[in-house]
C-alpha atoms as a PDB file:
ATOM      1  CA  UNK A   1      13.542   4.593   9.308  1.00  0.00           C
ATOM      2  CA  UNK A   2      14.187   0.746   9.358  1.00  0.00           C
ATOM      3  CA  UNK A   3      16.626  -0.563   7.619  1.00  0.00           C
ATOM      4  CA  UNK A   4      15.854  -1.340   3.946  1.00  0.00           C
ATOM      5  CA  UNK A   5      14.047  -4.982   3.502  1.00  0.00           C
ATOM      6  CA  UNK A   6      16.177  -6.975   0.778  1.00  0.00           C
ATOM      7  CA  UNK A   7      14.516  -8.354  -2.134  1.00  0.00           C
ATOM      8  CA  UNK A   8      14.092 -11.571  -1.088  1.00  0.00           C
ATOM      9  CA  UNK A   9      12.144 -10.115   2.119  1.00  0.00           C
ATOM     10  CA  UNK A  10       9.689  -7.979  -0.240  1.00  0.00           C
ATOM     11  CA  UNK A  11       8.865 -10.676  -2.768  1.00  0.00           C
ATOM     12  CA  UNK A  12       7.723 -12.896   0.465  1.00  0.00           C
ATOM     13  CA  UNK A  13       4.884 -10.698   0.288  1.00  0.00           C
ATOM     14  CA  UNK A  14       2.201 -11.726  -2.399  1.00  0.00           C
ATOM     15  CA  UNK A  15       2.789  -9.471  -5.835  1.00  0.00           C
ATOM     16  CA  UNK A  16      -0.227  -7.288  -6.369  1.00  0.00           C
ATOM     17  CA  UNK A  17       0.697  -5.966  -9.439  1.00  0.00           C
ATOM     18  CA  UNK A  18       3.564  -8.083 -12.529  1.00  0.00           C
ATOM     19  CA  UNK A  19       3.863  -6.030 -15.108  1.00  0.00           C
ATOM     20  CA  UNK A  20       6.378  -4.014 -17.384  1.00  0.00           C
ATOM     21  CA  UNK A  21       6.817  -0.260 -17.366  1.00  0.00           C
ATOM     22  CA  UNK A  22       4.608   0.682 -20.263  1.00  0.00           C
ATOM     23  CA  UNK A  23       5.252   3.782 -22.766  1.00  0.00           C
ATOM     24  CA  UNK A  24       2.776   6.058 -21.275  1.00  0.00           C
ATOM     25  CA  UNK A  25       4.227   5.909 -17.750  1.00  0.00           C
ATOM     26  CA  UNK A  26       7.761   7.517 -19.133  1.00  0.00           C
ATOM     27  CA  UNK A  27       8.048  11.117 -18.546  1.00  0.00           C
ATOM     28  CA  UNK A  28      10.400  14.001 -19.511  1.00  0.00           C
ATOM     29  CA  UNK A  29      13.409  12.328 -17.845  1.00  0.00           C
ATOM     30  CA  UNK A  30      12.989   9.005 -19.524  1.00  0.00           C
ATOM     31  CA  UNK A  31      11.792   7.119 -16.365  1.00  0.00           C
ATOM     32  CA  UNK A  32       8.184   5.962 -14.995  1.00  0.00           C
ATOM     33  CA  UNK A  33       6.776   9.160 -13.640  1.00  0.00           C
ATOM     34  CA  UNK A  34       5.923  10.150 -10.195  1.00  0.00           C
ATOM     35  CA  UNK A  35       2.208  10.172 -10.760  1.00  0.00           C
ATOM     36  CA  UNK A  36       2.382   6.490 -12.442  1.00  0.00           C
ATOM     37  CA  UNK A  37       4.424   4.995  -9.225  1.00  0.00           C
ATOM     38  CA  UNK A  38       1.613   6.838  -7.044  1.00  0.00           C
ATOM     39  CA  UNK A  39      -0.990   5.254  -8.662  1.00  0.00           C
ATOM     40  CA  UNK A  40      -0.260   1.366  -8.469  1.00  0.00           C
ATOM     41  CA  UNK A  41       0.812   1.765  -5.036  1.00  0.00           C
ATOM     42  CA  UNK A  42      -2.066   3.564  -4.521  1.00  0.00           C
ATOM     43  CA  UNK A  43      -4.168   0.322  -5.701  1.00  0.00           C
ATOM     44  CA  UNK A  44      -2.287  -1.607  -4.578  1.00  0.00           C
ATOM     45  CA  UNK A  45      -2.644  -1.030  -1.110  1.00  0.00           C
ATOM     46  CA  UNK A  46      -6.809  -0.653  -2.057  1.00  0.00           C
ATOM     47  CA  UNK A  47      -6.453  -4.476  -3.516  1.00  0.00           C
ATOM     48  CA  UNK A  48      -5.788  -5.531   0.208  1.00  0.00           C
ATOM     49  CA  UNK A  49      -8.455  -3.364   1.869  1.00  0.00           C
ATOM     50  CA  UNK A  50     -10.938  -5.037  -0.711  1.00  0.00           C
ATOM     51  CA  UNK A  51      -9.108  -8.542   0.069  1.00  0.00           C
ATOM     52  CA  UNK A  52     -10.585  -7.964   3.791  1.00  0.00           C
ATOM     53  CA  UNK A  53     -13.926  -7.010   1.969  1.00  0.00           C
ATOM     54  CA  UNK A  54     -13.852  -3.759   2.348  1.00  0.00           C
ATOM     55  CA  UNK A  55     -14.542  -3.569  -2.142  1.00  0.00           C
ATOM     56  CA  UNK A  56     -17.455  -1.777  -4.088  1.00  0.00           C
ATOM     57  CA  UNK A  57     -20.105  -4.175  -2.979  1.00  0.00           C
ATOM     58  CA  UNK A  58     -19.229  -2.823   0.818  1.00  0.00           C
ATOM     59  CA  UNK A  59     -19.253   0.475  -0.394  1.00  0.00           C
ATOM     60  CA  UNK A  60     -22.582   0.801  -1.595  1.00  0.00           C
ATOM     61  CA  UNK A  61     -24.457  -1.482   0.956  1.00  0.00           C
ATOM     62  CA  UNK A  62     -22.759  -0.062   3.966  1.00  0.00           C
ATOM     63  CA  UNK A  63     -22.199   4.103   2.661  1.00  0.00           C
ATOM     64  CA  UNK A  64     -18.676   3.833   4.015  1.00  0.00           C
ATOM     65  CA  UNK A  65     -15.151   2.824   2.709  1.00  0.00           C
ATOM     66  CA  UNK A  66     -11.818   3.778   3.317  1.00  0.00           C
ATOM     67  CA  UNK A  67     -10.012   8.022   2.459  1.00  0.00           C
ATOM     68  CA  UNK A  68      -6.824   8.108   2.095  1.00  0.00           C
ATOM     69  CA  UNK A  69      -5.349  11.158   4.106  1.00  0.00           C
ATOM     70  CA  UNK A  70      -1.886  10.885   4.322  1.00  0.00           C
ATOM     71  CA  UNK A  71       1.059   9.244   1.905  1.00  0.00           C
ATOM     72  CA  UNK A  72       4.422   9.587   1.839  1.00  0.00           C
ATOM     73  CA  UNK A  73       6.454   8.138  -0.997  1.00  0.00           C
ATOM     74  CA  UNK A  74      10.303   7.447  -1.235  1.00  0.00           C
ATOM     75  CA  UNK A  75      12.413   6.608  -4.575  1.00  0.00           C
ATOM     76  CA  UNK A  76      14.986   4.305  -4.087  1.00  0.00           C
ATOM     77  CA  UNK A  77      15.550   3.233  -7.677  1.00  0.00           C
ATOM     78  CA  UNK A  78      14.468   4.462 -11.364  1.00  0.00           C
ATOM     79  CA  UNK A  79      12.046   1.618 -13.572  1.00  0.00           C
ATOM     80  CA  UNK A  80      12.804   2.449 -17.333  1.00  0.00           C
ATOM     81  CA  UNK A  81      10.941   1.148 -20.248  1.00  0.00           C
ATOM     82  CA  UNK A  82       9.987  -1.571 -20.680  1.00  0.00           C
ATOM     83  CA  UNK A  83      11.346  -3.081 -17.531  1.00  0.00           C
ATOM     84  CA  UNK A  84       9.638  -5.607 -15.569  1.00  0.00           C
ATOM     85  CA  UNK A  85       8.416  -4.674 -11.717  1.00  0.00           C
ATOM     86  CA  UNK A  86       6.257  -5.758  -9.333  1.00  0.00           C
ATOM     87  CA  UNK A  87       3.964  -4.616  -6.366  1.00  0.00           C
ATOM     88  CA  UNK A  88       3.809  -5.963  -2.696  1.00  0.00           C
ATOM     89  CA  UNK A  89       1.315  -4.514  -0.192  1.00  0.00           C
ATOM     90  CA  UNK A  90       1.420  -5.097   3.439  1.00  0.00           C
ATOM     91  CA  UNK A  91      -0.452  -3.424   5.555  1.00  0.00           C
ATOM     92  CA  UNK A  92       1.038  -2.486   9.332  1.00  0.00           C
ATOM     93  CA  UNK A  93      -1.104  -1.400  12.250  1.00  0.00           C
ATOM     94  CA  UNK A  94      -4.771  -0.067  12.656  1.00  0.00           C
ATOM     95  CA  UNK A  95      -7.239   1.085  15.009  1.00  0.00           C
ATOM     96  CA  UNK A  96     -10.609   1.445  15.317  1.00  0.00           C
ATOM     97  CA  UNK A  97     -11.176   3.670  12.361  1.00  0.00           C
ATOM     98  CA  UNK A  98      -7.351   3.894  11.108  1.00  0.00           C
ATOM     99  CA  UNK A  99      -5.405   1.633   8.675  1.00  0.00           C
ATOM    100  CA  UNK A 100      -1.529   2.091   8.123  1.00  0.00           C
ATOM    101  CA  UNK A 101      -0.583  -0.004   4.811  1.00  0.00           C
ATOM    102  CA  UNK A 102       2.643   0.369   2.608  1.00  0.00           C
ATOM    103  CA  UNK A 103       3.370  -0.234  -1.005  1.00  0.00           C
ATOM    104  CA  UNK A 104       6.834  -2.031  -2.069  1.00  0.00           C
ATOM    105  CA  UNK A 105       7.639  -1.444  -6.257  1.00  0.00           C
ATOM    106  CA  UNK A 106      10.287  -3.705  -7.092  1.00  0.00           C
ATOM    107  CA  UNK A 107      12.511  -3.866  -9.961  1.00  0.00           C
ATOM    108  CA  UNK A 108      12.571  -7.377 -10.854  1.00  0.00           C
ATOM    109  CA  UNK A 109      15.594  -7.318 -13.635  1.00  0.00           C
ATOM    110  CA  UNK A 110      17.937  -5.657 -10.823  1.00  0.00           C
ATOM    111  CA  UNK A 111      15.710  -7.367  -7.860  1.00  0.00           C
ATOM    112  CA  UNK A 112      16.032  -4.173  -5.859  1.00  0.00           C
ATOM    113  CA  UNK A 113      13.543  -2.097  -4.191  1.00  0.00           C
ATOM    114  CA  UNK A 114      12.359   0.946  -6.553  1.00  0.00           C
ATOM    115  CA  UNK A 115      10.046   3.330  -4.637  1.00  0.00           C
ATOM    116  CA  UNK A 116       7.862   2.589  -1.467  1.00  0.00           C
ATOM    117  CA  UNK A 117       4.467   4.208  -0.286  1.00  0.00           C
ATOM    118  CA  UNK A 118       3.056   4.247   2.928  1.00  0.00           C
ATOM    119  CA  UNK A 119      -0.119   5.798   3.480  1.00  0.00           C
ATOM    120  CA  UNK A 120      -2.953   6.406   6.293  1.00  0.00           C
ATOM    121  CA  UNK A 121      -6.351   4.966   5.545  1.00  0.00           C
ATOM    122  CA  UNK A 122      -9.417   6.190   7.785  1.00  0.00           C
ATOM    123  CA  UNK A 123     -12.827   4.816   7.740  1.00  0.00           C
ATOM    124  CA  UNK A 124     -16.186   6.829   6.903  1.00  0.00           C
ATOM    125  CA  UNK A 125     -19.398   7.319   6.323  1.00  0.00           C
ATOM    126  CA  UNK A 126     -20.175   8.215   2.656  1.00  0.00           C
ATOM    127  CA  UNK A 127     -23.188   9.897   4.093  1.00  0.00           C
ATOM    128  CA  UNK A 128     -22.015  12.463   6.619  1.00  0.00           C
ATOM    129  CA  UNK A 129     -18.177  11.757   4.930  1.00  0.00           C
ATOM    130  CA  UNK A 130     -16.668  11.628   9.061  1.00  0.00           C
ATOM    131  CA  UNK A 131     -14.766   8.867  10.405  1.00  0.00           C
ATOM    132  CA  UNK A 132     -16.527   5.815  11.774  1.00  0.00           C
ATOM    133  CA  UNK A 133     -15.703   2.310  13.772  1.00  0.00           C
ATOM    134  CA  UNK A 134     -14.993  -0.522  11.243  1.00  0.00           C
ATOM    135  CA  UNK A 135     -17.377  -3.651  11.281  1.00  0.00           C
ATOM    136  CA  UNK A 136     -15.616  -6.129  13.559  1.00  0.00           C
ATOM    137  CA  UNK A 137     -15.427  -8.678  10.790  1.00  0.00           C
ATOM    138  CA  UNK A 138     -13.813  -6.489   8.591  1.00  0.00           C
ATOM    139  CA  UNK A 139     -11.544  -5.073  11.439  1.00  0.00           C
ATOM    140  CA  UNK A 140     -10.357  -8.875  12.022  1.00  0.00           C
ATOM    141  CA  UNK A 141      -9.969  -9.509   8.055  1.00  0.00           C
ATOM    142  CA  UNK A 142      -7.607  -7.205   8.434  1.00  0.00           C
ATOM    143  CA  UNK A 143      -5.755  -7.975  11.957  1.00  0.00           C
ATOM    144  CA  UNK A 144      -5.226 -11.321   9.737  1.00  0.00           C
ATOM    145  CA  UNK A 145      -3.311  -9.535   6.896  1.00  0.00           C
ATOM    146  CA  UNK A 146      -1.664  -7.448   9.472  1.00  0.00           C
ATOM    147  CA  UNK A 147      -0.466 -10.733  11.247  1.00  0.00           C
ATOM    148  CA  UNK A 148       0.996 -12.296   8.229  1.00  0.00           C
ATOM    149  CA  UNK A 149       3.207  -9.304   7.402  1.00  0.00           C
ATOM    150  CA  UNK A 150       4.629  -9.483  11.027  1.00  0.00           C
ATOM    151  CA  UNK A 151       5.135 -13.412  10.970  1.00  0.00           C
ATOM    152  CA  UNK A 152       7.733 -12.353   7.894  1.00  0.00           C
ATOM    153  CA  UNK A 153       9.942 -11.373  10.683  1.00  0.00           C
ATOM    154  CA  UNK A 154      10.885  -7.963   9.624  1.00  0.00           C
ATOM    155  CA  UNK A 155      10.577  -4.256   9.826  1.00  0.00           C
ATOM    156  CA  UNK A 156       9.026  -2.161   7.425  1.00  0.00           C
ATOM    157  CA  UNK A 157      10.841   0.923   6.822  1.00  0.00           C
ATOM    158  CA  UNK A 158       8.173   3.390   8.095  1.00  0.00           C
ATOM    159  CA  UNK A 159       8.792   7.048   7.979  1.00  0.00           C
ATOM    160  CA  UNK A 160       7.975   7.759  11.560  1.00  0.00           C
ATOM    161  CA  UNK A 161       5.757  10.764   9.989  1.00  0.00           C
ATOM    162  CA  UNK A 162       2.574   8.936   8.928  1.00  0.00           C
ATOM    163  CA  UNK A 163       0.640   5.816  10.519  1.00  0.00           C
ATOM    164  CA  UNK A 164      -1.614   6.041  13.363  1.00  0.00           C
ATOM    165  CA  UNK A 165      -1.554   8.714  16.257  1.00  0.00           C
ATOM    166  CA  UNK A 166      -0.348   7.775  19.510  1.00  0.00           C
ATOM    167  CA  UNK A 167      -2.033  10.053  22.032  1.00  0.00           C
END
């Protein structure tokens, strides 16, 4: 794993979500439940794919979508009731069919990283349920997001277990 990015580095990425921890996110330990971290991180990454053109209209028109096939989460701090947090997403790499991305949950009160979720998504045919190549225009839009993240000049703290398969 690479070293963790600083607060200042992470907030260079646009905030996909900016909210406070509601009561329904609190578990028996008095902090935000892992299921809610998972949901907000997954939705933030999904929004990045929508920005590239992979939204509901695309799915309906082309009968193709992105399926998540792997995730890896790490927790660095806890969020408690009423604390403000933001979620930032960065696309890391892609192939013709696979996308690797990461979401960062930031505790805005402490200005620290609370959680990361790394995910690998595969572009699939909704009919055959098999992987298929991304359309060129979608690939180019994803590449622009990947390049924008790379231009920030810091390495994402990847776990090394998810992402593109190197053959």
